[in-house]
PDB file of N, CA and C in Angstrom:
ATOM      1  N   MET A   1       0.845  -1.185   0.000  1.00  0.00           N
ATOM      2  CA  MET A   1       0.000   0.000   0.000  1.00  0.00           C
ATOM      3  C   MET A   1       0.891   1.250   0.000  1.00  0.00           C
ATOM      4  N   LEU A   2       0.519   2.215  -0.794  1.00  0.00           N
ATOM      5  CA  LEU A   2       1.286   3.451  -0.870  1.00  0.00           C
ATOM      6  C   LEU A   2       0.968   4.355   0.305  1.00  0.00           C
ATOM      7  N   SER A   3       1.933   5.154   0.681  1.00  0.00           N
ATOM      8  CA  SER A   3       1.702   6.149   1.726  1.00  0.00           C
ATOM      9  C   SER A   3       0.839   7.265   1.133  1.00  0.00           C
ATOM     10  N   PRO A   4       0.244   8.084   1.986  1.00  0.00           N
ATOM     11  CA  PRO A   4      -0.592   9.175   1.469  1.00  0.00           C
ATOM     12  C   PRO A   4       0.152  10.110   0.516  1.00  0.00           C
ATOM     13  N   ILE A   5       1.415  10.399   0.795  1.00  0.00           N
ATOM     14  CA  ILE A   5       2.144  11.318  -0.088  1.00  0.00           C
ATOM     15  C   ILE A   5       2.449  10.658  -1.426  1.00  0.00           C
ATOM     16  N   GLU A   6       2.755   9.364  -1.414  1.00  0.00           N
ATOM     17  CA  GLU A   6       2.983   8.654  -2.667  1.00  0.00           C
ATOM     18  C   GLU A   6       1.703   8.613  -3.497  1.00  0.00           C
ATOM     19  N   GLN A   7       0.568   8.370  -2.844  1.00  0.00           N
ATOM     20  CA  GLN A   7      -0.712   8.333  -3.557  1.00  0.00           C
ATOM     21  C   GLN A   7      -1.046   9.711  -4.124  1.00  0.00           C
ATOM     22  N   TYR A   8      -0.706  10.766  -3.388  1.00  0.00           N
ATOM     23  CA  TYR A   8      -0.948  12.129  -3.865  1.00  0.00           C
ATOM     24  C   TYR A   8      -0.212  12.360  -5.184  1.00  0.00           C
ATOM     25  N   VAL A   9       1.053  11.934  -5.247  1.00  0.00           N
ATOM     26  CA  VAL A   9       1.847  12.103  -6.468  1.00  0.00           C
ATOM     27  C   VAL A   9       1.223  11.308  -7.614  1.00  0.00           C
ATOM     28  N   VAL A  10       0.857  10.066  -7.349  1.00  0.00           N
ATOM     29  CA  VAL A  10       0.229   9.232  -8.380  1.00  0.00           C
ATOM     30  C   VAL A  10      -1.045   9.898  -8.895  1.00  0.00           C
ATOM     31  N   ASP A  11      -1.882  10.368  -7.992  1.00  0.00           N
ATOM     32  CA  ASP A  11      -3.136  11.025  -8.395  1.00  0.00           C
ATOM     33  C   ASP A  11      -2.875  12.284  -9.210  1.00  0.00           C
ATOM     34  N   TYR A  12      -1.850  13.041  -8.839  1.00  0.00           N
ATOM     35  CA  TYR A  12      -1.514  14.257  -9.581  1.00  0.00           C
ATOM     36  C   TYR A  12      -1.102  13.908 -11.015  1.00  0.00           C
ATOM     37  N   VAL A  13      -0.294  12.873 -11.165  1.00  0.00           N
ATOM     38  CA  VAL A  13       0.146  12.463 -12.506  1.00  0.00           C
ATOM     39  C   VAL A  13      -1.041  11.950 -13.314  1.00  0.00           C
ATOM     40  N   ILE A  14      -1.932  11.209 -12.688  1.00  0.00           N
ATOM     41  CA  ILE A  14      -3.127  10.733 -13.392  1.00  0.00           C
ATOM     42  C   ILE A  14      -3.945  11.922 -13.897  1.00  0.00           C
ATOM     43  N   ARG A  15      -4.129  12.920 -13.044  1.00  0.00           N
ATOM     44  CA  ARG A  15      -4.891  14.111 -13.477  1.00  0.00           C
ATOM     45  C   ARG A  15      -4.209  14.800 -14.654  1.00  0.00           C
ATOM     46  N   LEU A  16      -2.887  14.954 -14.590  1.00  0.00           N
ATOM     47  CA  LEU A  16      -2.150  15.562 -15.706  1.00  0.00           C
ATOM     48  C   LEU A  16      -2.298  14.735 -16.978  1.00  0.00           C
ATOM     49  N   ARG A  17      -2.204  13.418 -16.819  1.00  0.00           N
ATOM     50  CA  ARG A  17      -2.293  12.518 -17.969  1.00  0.00           C
ATOM     51  C   ARG A  17      -3.656  12.641 -18.639  1.00  0.00           C
ATOM     52  N   ILE A  18      -4.703  12.609 -17.848  1.00  0.00           N
ATOM     53  CA  ILE A  18      -6.067  12.694 -18.395  1.00  0.00           C
ATOM     54  C   ILE A  18      -6.315  14.073 -18.998  1.00  0.00           C
ATOM     55  N   LYS A  19      -5.920  15.120 -18.289  1.00  0.00           N
ATOM     56  CA  LYS A  19      -6.121  16.501 -18.772  1.00  0.00           C
ATOM     57  C   LYS A  19      -5.455  16.717 -20.134  1.00  0.00           C
ATOM     58  N   ASN A  20      -4.318  16.062 -20.344  1.00  0.00           N
ATOM     59  CA  ASN A  20      -3.567  16.246 -21.586  1.00  0.00           C
ATOM     60  C   ASN A  20      -3.798  15.124 -22.599  1.00  0.00           C
ATOM     61  N   ASN A  21      -4.834  14.308 -22.340  1.00  0.00           N
ATOM     62  CA  ASN A  21      -5.204  13.216 -23.252  1.00  0.00           C
ATOM     63  C   ASN A  21      -4.018  12.305 -23.571  1.00  0.00           C
ATOM     64  N   LEU A  22      -3.264  11.943 -22.545  1.00  0.00           N
ATOM     65  CA  LEU A  22      -2.112  11.071 -22.722  1.00  0.00           C
ATOM     66  C   LEU A  22      -2.433   9.670 -22.211  1.00  0.00           C
ATOM     67  N   THR A  23      -1.770   8.693 -22.779  1.00  0.00           N
ATOM     68  CA  THR A  23      -1.908   7.317 -22.331  1.00  0.00           C
ATOM     69  C   THR A  23      -0.821   7.014 -21.298  1.00  0.00           C
ATOM     70  N   GLN A  24      -0.953   5.863 -20.676  1.00  0.00           N
ATOM     71  CA  GLN A  24       0.089   5.424 -19.762  1.00  0.00           C
ATOM     72  C   GLN A  24       1.403   5.230 -20.521  1.00  0.00           C
ATOM     73  N   ALA A  25       1.305   4.762 -21.756  1.00  0.00           N
ATOM     74  CA  ALA A  25       2.510   4.594 -22.582  1.00  0.00           C
ATOM     75  C   ALA A  25       3.176   5.942 -22.847  1.00  0.00           C
ATOM     76  N   ASP A  26       2.369   6.993 -23.057  1.00  0.00           N
ATOM     77  CA  ASP A  26       2.923   8.338 -23.266  1.00  0.00           C
ATOM     78  C   ASP A  26       3.712   8.795 -22.040  1.00  0.00           C
ATOM     79  N   ILE A  27       3.148   8.560 -20.859  1.00  0.00           N
ATOM     80  CA  ILE A  27       3.850   8.929 -19.625  1.00  0.00           C
ATOM     81  C   ILE A  27       5.139   8.119 -19.517  1.00  0.00           C
ATOM     82  N   GLY A  28       5.072   6.849 -19.897  1.00  0.00           N
ATOM     83  CA  GLY A  28       6.266   6.009 -19.887  1.00  0.00           C
ATOM     84  C   GLY A  28       7.375   6.586 -20.745  1.00  0.00           C
ATOM     85  N   VAL A  29       7.023   7.091 -21.917  1.00  0.00           N
ATOM     86  CA  VAL A  29       8.024   7.704 -22.799  1.00  0.00           C
ATOM     87  C   VAL A  29       8.629   8.939 -22.125  1.00  0.00           C
ATOM     88  N   ILE A  30       7.784   9.743 -21.503  1.00  0.00           N
ATOM     89  CA  ILE A  30       8.257  10.967 -20.851  1.00  0.00           C
ATOM     90  C   ILE A  30       9.260  10.646 -19.743  1.00  0.00           C
ATOM     91  N   ILE A  31       8.992   9.587 -18.985  1.00  0.00           N
ATOM     92  CA  ILE A  31       9.878   9.266 -17.858  1.00  0.00           C
ATOM     93  C   ILE A  31      10.884   8.170 -18.210  1.00  0.00           C
ATOM     94  N   ASN A  32      10.963   7.838 -19.495  1.00  0.00           N
ATOM     95  CA  ASN A  32      11.943   6.878 -20.001  1.00  0.00           C
ATOM     96  C   ASN A  32      11.788   5.487 -19.370  1.00  0.00           C
ATOM     97  N   THR A  33      10.557   5.022 -19.360  1.00  0.00           N
ATOM     98  CA  THR A  33      10.261   3.682 -18.870  1.00  0.00           C
ATOM     99  C   THR A  33       9.122   3.118 -19.709  1.00  0.00           C
ATOM    100  N   LYS A  34       8.667   1.936 -19.389  1.00  0.00           N
ATOM    101  CA  LYS A  34       7.588   1.308 -20.151  1.00  0.00           C
ATOM    102  C   LYS A  34       6.225   1.736 -19.636  1.00  0.00           C
ATOM    103  N   GLY A  35       5.242   1.708 -20.523  1.00  0.00           N
ATOM    104  CA  GLY A  35       3.873   2.003 -20.119  1.00  0.00           C
ATOM    105  C   GLY A  35       3.382   1.051 -19.050  1.00  0.00           C
ATOM    106  N   SER A  36       3.907  -0.177 -19.052  1.00  0.00           N
ATOM    107  CA  SER A  36       3.492  -1.151 -18.031  1.00  0.00           C
ATOM    108  C   SER A  36       3.910  -0.691 -16.632  1.00  0.00           C
ATOM    109  N   PHE A  37       5.030   0.038 -16.532  1.00  0.00           N
ATOM    110  CA  PHE A  37       5.435   0.582 -15.237  1.00  0.00           C
ATOM    111  C   PHE A  37       4.397   1.598 -14.761  1.00  0.00           C
ATOM    112  N   VAL A  38       3.959   2.463 -15.667  1.00  0.00           N
ATOM    113  CA  VAL A  38       2.961   3.476 -15.310  1.00  0.00           C
ATOM    114  C   VAL A  38       1.661   2.786 -14.906  1.00  0.00           C
ATOM    115  N   SER A  39       1.292   1.739 -15.627  1.00  0.00           N
ATOM    116  CA  SER A  39       0.107   0.964 -15.264  1.00  0.00           C
ATOM    117  C   SER A  39       0.243   0.404 -13.855  1.00  0.00           C
ATOM    118  N   ASN A  40       1.419  -0.109 -13.534  1.00  0.00           N
ATOM    119  CA  ASN A  40       1.663  -0.628 -12.184  1.00  0.00           C
ATOM    120  C   ASN A  40       1.567   0.472 -11.136  1.00  0.00           C
ATOM    121  N   VAL A  41       2.094   1.648 -11.450  1.00  0.00           N
ATOM    122  CA  VAL A  41       2.027   2.769 -10.510  1.00  0.00           C
ATOM    123  C   VAL A  41       0.573   3.157 -10.260  1.00  0.00           C
ATOM    124  N   GLU A  42      -0.234   3.172 -11.302  1.00  0.00           N
ATOM    125  CA  GLU A  42      -1.629   3.597 -11.175  1.00  0.00           C
ATOM    126  C   GLU A  42      -2.536   2.520 -10.582  1.00  0.00           C
ATOM    127  N   ASN A  43      -2.044   1.298 -10.472  1.00  0.00           N
ATOM    128  CA  ASN A  43      -2.813   0.196  -9.891  1.00  0.00           C
ATOM    129  C   ASN A  43      -2.644   0.245  -8.375  1.00  0.00           C
ATOM    130  N   ILE A  44      -3.739   0.460  -7.649  1.00  0.00           N
ATOM    131  CA  ILE A  44      -3.638   0.661  -6.194  1.00  0.00           C
ATOM    132  C   ILE A  44      -3.144  -0.571  -5.442  1.00  0.00           C
ATOM    133  N   THR A  45      -3.176  -1.743  -6.076  1.00  0.00           N
ATOM    134  CA  THR A  45      -2.696  -2.942  -5.394  1.00  0.00           C
ATOM    135  C   THR A  45      -1.209  -3.184  -5.639  1.00  0.00           C
ATOM    136  N   ASN A  46      -0.589  -2.362  -6.465  1.00  0.00           N
ATOM    137  CA  ASN A  46       0.828  -2.525  -6.780  1.00  0.00           C
ATOM    138  C   ASN A  46       1.651  -1.509  -6.000  1.00  0.00           C
ATOM    139  N   ARG A  47       2.845  -1.882  -5.612  1.00  0.00           N
ATOM    140  CA  ARG A  47       3.692  -0.993  -4.807  1.00  0.00           C
ATOM    141  C   ARG A  47       4.596  -0.088  -5.636  1.00  0.00           C
ATOM    142  N   ALA A  48       4.532  -0.177  -6.960  1.00  0.00           N
ATOM    143  CA  ALA A  48       5.383   0.671  -7.807  1.00  0.00           C
ATOM    144  C   ALA A  48       5.045   2.135  -7.547  1.00  0.00           C
ATOM    145  N   LYS A  49       6.064   2.979  -7.664  1.00  0.00           N
ATOM    146  CA  LYS A  49       5.837   4.417  -7.453  1.00  0.00           C
ATOM    147  C   LYS A  49       6.831   5.230  -8.261  1.00  0.00           C
ATOM    148  N   TYR A  50       6.502   6.484  -8.443  1.00  0.00           N
ATOM    149  CA  TYR A  50       7.395   7.400  -9.144  1.00  0.00           C
ATOM    150  C   TYR A  50       8.535   7.797  -8.211  1.00  0.00           C
ATOM    151  N   ASN A  51       9.711   8.011  -8.800  1.00  0.00           N
ATOM    152  CA  ASN A  51      10.833   8.518  -8.006  1.00  0.00           C
ATOM    153  C   ASN A  51      11.089   9.976  -8.391  1.00  0.00           C
ATOM    154  N   LEU A  52      12.073  10.581  -7.776  1.00  0.00           N
ATOM    155  CA  LEU A  52      12.339  12.001  -8.024  1.00  0.00           C
ATOM    156  C   LEU A  52      12.755  12.273  -9.464  1.00  0.00           C
ATOM    157  N   ASP A  53      13.475  11.353 -10.094  1.00  0.00           N
ATOM    158  CA  ASP A  53      13.838  11.539 -11.499  1.00  0.00           C
ATOM    159  C   ASP A  53      12.602  11.529 -12.389  1.00  0.00           C
ATOM    160  N   HIS A  54      11.642  10.656 -12.077  1.00  0.00           N
ATOM    161  CA  HIS A  54      10.386  10.633 -12.830  1.00  0.00           C
ATOM    162  C   HIS A  54       9.654  11.965 -12.675  1.00  0.00           C
ATOM    163  N   ILE A  55       9.565  12.429 -11.429  1.00  0.00           N
ATOM    164  CA  ILE A  55       8.869  13.698 -11.166  1.00  0.00           C
ATOM    165  C   ILE A  55       9.553  14.845 -11.892  1.00  0.00           C
ATOM    166  N   ASN A  56      10.879  14.855 -11.893  1.00  0.00           N
ATOM    167  CA  ASN A  56      11.607  15.913 -12.590  1.00  0.00           C
ATOM    168  C   ASN A  56      11.326  15.882 -14.090  1.00  0.00           C
ATOM    169  N   ALA A  57      11.329  14.692 -14.676  1.00  0.00           N
ATOM    170  CA  ALA A  57      11.062  14.568 -16.114  1.00  0.00           C
ATOM    171  C   ALA A  57       9.639  15.017 -16.445  1.00  0.00           C
ATOM    172  N   LEU A  58       8.682  14.641 -15.602  1.00  0.00           N
ATOM    173  CA  LEU A  58       7.299  15.055 -15.827  1.00  0.00           C
ATOM    174  C   LEU A  58       7.146  16.565 -15.669  1.00  0.00           C
ATOM    175  N   ALA A  59       7.795  17.122 -14.656  1.00  0.00           N
ATOM    176  CA  ALA A  59       7.733  18.572 -14.443  1.00  0.00           C
ATOM    177  C   ALA A  59       8.311  19.311 -15.642  1.00  0.00           C
ATOM    178  N   ASP A  60       9.428  18.814 -16.158  1.00  0.00           N
ATOM    179  CA  ASP A  60      10.048  19.430 -17.327  1.00  0.00           C
ATOM    180  C   ASP A  60       9.111  19.337 -18.538  1.00  0.00           C
ATOM    181  N   HIS A  61       8.539  18.180 -18.748  1.00  0.00           N
ATOM    182  CA  HIS A  61       7.649  17.985 -19.901  1.00  0.00           C
ATOM    183  C   HIS A  61       6.428  18.901 -19.835  1.00  0.00           C
ATOM    184  N   PHE A  62       5.814  19.002 -18.664  1.00  0.00           N
ATOM    185  CA  PHE A  62       4.585  19.795 -18.511  1.00  0.00           C
ATOM    186  C   PHE A  62       4.860  21.254 -18.151  1.00  0.00           C
ATOM    187  N   ASP A  63       6.145  21.623 -18.079  1.00  0.00           N
ATOM    188  CA  ASP A  63       6.559  22.994 -17.776  1.00  0.00           C
ATOM    189  C   ASP A  63       5.977  23.493 -16.452  1.00  0.00           C
ATOM    190  N   VAL A  64       6.116  22.650 -15.432  1.00  0.00           N
ATOM    191  CA  VAL A  64       5.720  23.009 -14.073  1.00  0.00           C
ATOM    192  C   VAL A  64       6.905  22.723 -13.154  1.00  0.00           C
ATOM    193  N   ALA A  65       6.813  23.177 -11.932  1.00  0.00           N
ATOM    194  CA  ALA A  65       7.871  22.926 -10.954  1.00  0.00           C
ATOM    195  C   ALA A  65       7.691  21.540 -10.337  1.00  0.00           C
ATOM    196  N   PRO A  66       8.774  20.861 -10.015  1.00  0.00           N
ATOM    197  CA  PRO A  66       8.634  19.573  -9.330  1.00  0.00           C
ATOM    198  C   PRO A  66       7.797  19.686  -8.052  1.00  0.00           C
ATOM    199  N   ARG A  67       7.877  20.822  -7.371  1.00  0.00           N
ATOM    200  CA  ARG A  67       7.101  20.990  -6.137  1.00  0.00           C
ATOM    201  C   ARG A  67       5.595  20.944  -6.378  1.00  0.00           C
ATOM    202  N   ASP A  68       5.164  21.191  -7.625  1.00  0.00           N
ATOM    203  CA  ASP A  68       3.739  21.134  -7.941  1.00  0.00           C
ATOM    204  C   ASP A  68       3.173  19.722  -7.784  1.00  0.00           C
ATOM    205  N   PHE A  69       4.040  18.713  -7.748  1.00  0.00           N
ATOM    206  CA  PHE A  69       3.600  17.335  -7.604  1.00  0.00           C
ATOM    207  C   PHE A  69       3.360  16.957  -6.145  1.00  0.00           C
ATOM    208  N   LEU A  70       3.684  17.873  -5.231  1.00  0.00           N
ATOM    209  CA  LEU A  70       3.551  17.608  -3.803  1.00  0.00           C
ATOM    210  C   LEU A  70       2.455  18.465  -3.191  1.00  0.00           C
ATOM    211  N   PRO A  71       1.852  17.988  -2.103  1.00  0.00           N
ATOM    212  CA  PRO A  71       0.810  18.800  -1.442  1.00  0.00           C
ATOM    213  C   PRO A  71       1.432  20.033  -0.794  1.00  0.00           C
ATOM    214  N   LYS A  72       0.610  21.029  -0.553  1.00  0.00           N
ATOM    215  CA  LYS A  72       1.088  22.262   0.073  1.00  0.00           C
ATOM    216  C   LYS A  72       1.476  22.031   1.535  1.00  0.00           C
ATOM    217  N   LYS A  73       0.862  21.029   2.155  1.00  0.00           N
ATOM    218  CA  LYS A  73       1.109  20.746   3.562  1.00  0.00           C
ATOM    219  C   LYS A  73       1.450  19.264   3.721  1.00  0.00           C
ATOM    220  N   ALA A  74       2.318  18.965   4.660  1.00  0.00           N
ATOM    221  CA  ALA A  74       2.731  17.578   4.909  1.00  0.00           C
ATOM    222  C   ALA A  74       1.569  16.756   5.455  1.00  0.00           C
ATOM    223  N   PHE A  75       1.577  15.472   5.130  1.00  0.00           N
ATOM    224  CA  PHE A  75       0.632  14.544   5.735  1.00  0.00           C
ATOM    225  C   PHE A  75       1.163  14.145   7.103  1.00  0.00           C
ATOM    226  N   ALA A  76       0.259  13.881   8.030  1.00  0.00           N
ATOM    227  CA  ALA A  76       0.681  13.401   9.348  1.00  0.00           C
ATOM    228  C   ALA A  76       1.381  12.060   9.181  1.00  0.00           C
ATOM    229  N   VAL A  77       2.458  11.873   9.916  1.00  0.00           N
ATOM    230  CA  VAL A  77       3.216  10.631   9.855  1.00  0.00           C
ATOM    231  C   VAL A  77       2.708   9.696  10.937  1.00  0.00           C
ATOM    232  N   ILE A  78       2.350   8.496  10.523  1.00  0.00           N
ATOM    233  CA  ILE A  78       1.901   7.477  11.460  1.00  0.00           C
ATOM    234  C   ILE A  78       3.132   6.739  11.967  1.00  0.00           C
ATOM    235  N   ASP A  79       3.165   6.389  13.227  1.00  0.00           N
ATOM    236  CA  ASP A  79       4.345   5.785  13.850  1.00  0.00           C
ATOM    237  C   ASP A  79       4.930   4.634  13.058  1.00  0.00           C
ATOM    238  N   ASP A  80       4.105   3.748  12.478  1.00  0.00           N
ATOM    239  CA  ASP A  80       4.662   2.593  11.767  1.00  0.00           C
ATOM    240  C   ASP A  80       5.270   2.964  10.423  1.00  0.00           C
ATOM    241  N   GLN A  81       5.131   4.228   9.987  1.00  0.00           N
ATOM    242  CA  GLN A  81       5.758   4.682   8.748  1.00  0.00           C
ATOM    243  C   GLN A  81       7.134   5.310   9.019  1.00  0.00           C
ATOM    244  N   LYS A  82       7.427   5.616  10.266  1.00  0.00           N
ATOM    245  CA  LYS A  82       8.713   6.229  10.594  1.00  0.00           C
ATOM    246  C   LYS A  82       9.810   5.177  10.512  1.00  0.00           C
ATOM    247  N   ASP A  83      10.950   5.575   9.985  1.00  0.00           N
ATOM    248  CA  ASP A  83      12.102   4.664   9.919  1.00  0.00           C
ATOM    249  C   ASP A  83      13.173   5.103  10.869  1.00  0.00           C
TER     250      ASP A  83
END
C-alpha cells in the first residue's frame, strides 16, 4: 500500500495525464520507462511508485515545478511509517 504522499503524487500524474489526453505509454516515454510501469504505478494494489527523477522529467515535460507534484502541507506521519 502506498503512503498518502505517494498516492498524492500518483493522483496528480493521473490528473495531468487525463487533462492532456495522454496514455500510460505516453507517460512512460516521458519518464523513459515502459507504459506497463505506469500501469503498475496507477494500480492501487501494486507498490510501484514514481521517483524524483520521474517527477523531474514530468515537471520538465509539462513545464511546471517539481514541487507542484507535492501537497502544500505535509501529511501526518503514522508511527509505523517512521524509519
